[in-house]
Amino acid sequence: MALSNAQKKYLRGLTHHIDPVVMVADKGLTDNVRAEIEQALEHHELIKVRLRAEREQRSAWIEQIANDTGAELVHQIGQVACYYRRHPKKPKIALP
């Protein structure tokens, strides 16, 4: 599901008040980290992920998370990336 610019702008506004729920650090995208991201997306729909690495590594992780989870990257600032994936049965966020 591709988000329009208006939808991304709306979701960016919602991300200001949430804290990162998952941190990817030295060990990278392990199976446990991927499971946590999946669980967070299932429960919250809109999440922040903190990525502790150099720029090239962060970019690779950001792309890999989006591909693995089917989530849409809302935006990235520094070491924080925000993802959105609509819940198939019980959506919590109504997009414009």
Protein backbone atom coordinates (compact mmCIF):
# COMPACT_ATOMS: atom_id res chain seq x y z
CA MET A 1 0.00 0.00 0.00
CA ALA A 2 1.66 3.19 -1.14
CA LEU A 3 0.92 6.26 0.95
CA SER A 4 0.14 9.60 -0.63
CA ASN A 5 2.09 12.69 0.40
CA ALA A 6 -0.90 13.96 2.39
CA GLN A 7 -1.13 10.66 4.27
CA LYS A 8 2.61 10.68 5.04
CA LYS A 9 2.34 14.26 6.29
CA TYR A 10 -0.55 13.26 8.58
CA LEU A 11 1.38 10.26 9.92
CA ARG A 12 4.52 12.38 10.48
CA GLY A 13 2.43 14.61 12.72
CA LEU A 14 1.32 11.59 14.74
CA THR A 15 4.91 10.36 15.21
CA HIS A 16 5.98 13.44 17.18
CA HIS A 17 4.40 12.14 20.36
CA ILE A 18 5.52 8.51 20.27
CA ASP A 19 8.76 7.03 21.56
CA PRO A 20 10.91 4.44 19.76
CA VAL A 21 9.62 0.95 20.56
CA VAL A 22 12.50 -1.05 19.05
CA MET A 23 16.24 -0.39 18.92
CA VAL A 24 18.55 -1.95 16.34
CA ALA A 25 22.15 -1.81 17.54
CA ASP A 26 25.42 -3.75 17.37
CA LYS A 27 23.95 -7.17 16.58
CA GLY A 28 21.86 -5.81 13.71
CA LEU A 29 18.52 -7.15 12.51
CA THR A 30 18.42 -10.43 14.39
CA ASP A 31 15.38 -12.69 14.37
CA ASN A 32 14.37 -11.37 17.79
CA VAL A 33 14.53 -7.74 16.61
CA ARG A 34 12.47 -8.60 13.51
CA ALA A 35 9.89 -10.34 15.69
CA GLU A 36 9.67 -7.28 17.96
CA ILE A 37 9.15 -4.99 14.96
CA GLU A 38 6.42 -7.29 13.61
CA GLN A 39 4.70 -7.40 16.98
CA ALA A 40 4.91 -3.62 17.41
CA LEU A 41 3.46 -3.00 13.93
CA GLU A 42 0.65 -5.47 14.62
CA HIS A 43 -0.21 -3.77 17.87
CA HIS A 44 0.42 -0.06 17.12
CA GLU A 45 0.36 0.30 13.30
CA LEU A 46 2.67 3.35 13.55
CA ILE A 47 6.05 2.83 15.20
CA LYS A 48 9.45 4.45 15.65
CA VAL A 49 12.62 2.39 15.38
CA ARG A 50 15.99 3.67 16.64
CA LEU A 51 18.93 2.51 14.50
CA ARG A 52 22.36 2.77 16.12
CA ALA A 53 24.95 2.50 13.34
CA GLU A 54 26.75 4.42 10.62
CA ARG A 55 24.73 6.07 7.85
CA GLU A 56 25.24 3.36 5.21
CA GLN A 57 24.28 0.59 7.64
CA ARG A 58 21.20 2.52 8.81
CA SER A 59 20.06 2.98 5.21
CA ALA A 60 20.42 -0.74 4.54
CA TRP A 61 18.48 -1.63 7.71
CA ILE A 62 15.72 0.86 6.92
CA GLU A 63 15.19 -0.65 3.48
CA GLN A 64 15.38 -4.20 4.82
CA ILE A 65 12.81 -3.53 7.56
CA ALA A 66 10.39 -2.07 5.01
CA ASN A 67 10.86 -5.04 2.68
CA ASP A 68 10.63 -7.70 5.40
CA THR A 69 7.55 -6.31 7.14
CA GLY A 70 5.62 -4.82 4.26
CA ALA A 71 5.46 -1.56 6.21
CA GLU A 72 5.68 1.85 4.61
CA LEU A 73 8.53 4.16 5.65
CA VAL A 74 6.85 7.37 6.83
CA HIS A 75 10.07 9.29 7.42
CA GLN A 76 13.58 9.12 8.77
CA ILE A 77 15.43 11.68 10.84
CA GLY A 78 18.96 10.84 11.95
CA GLN A 79 18.92 7.54 13.81
CA VAL A 80 15.13 7.23 13.99
CA ALA A 81 12.86 5.78 11.30
CA CYS A 82 9.06 5.66 11.45
CA TYR A 83 7.00 2.92 9.82
CA TYR A 84 3.29 2.44 9.20
CA ARG A 85 1.43 -0.74 8.39
CA ARG A 86 -2.35 -0.82 8.52
CA HIS A 87 -3.89 -3.58 10.60
CA PRO A 88 -5.89 -5.77 8.20
CA LYS A 89 -8.87 -6.39 10.49
CA LYS A 90 -8.91 -3.63 13.12
CA PRO A 91 -7.27 -0.43 11.83
CA LYS A 92 -6.57 2.09 14.61
CA ILE A 93 -5.46 5.06 12.50
CA ALA A 94 -7.88 6.61 10.03
CA LEU A 95 -5.91 8.05 7.14
CA PRO A 96 -7.14 11.17 5.33
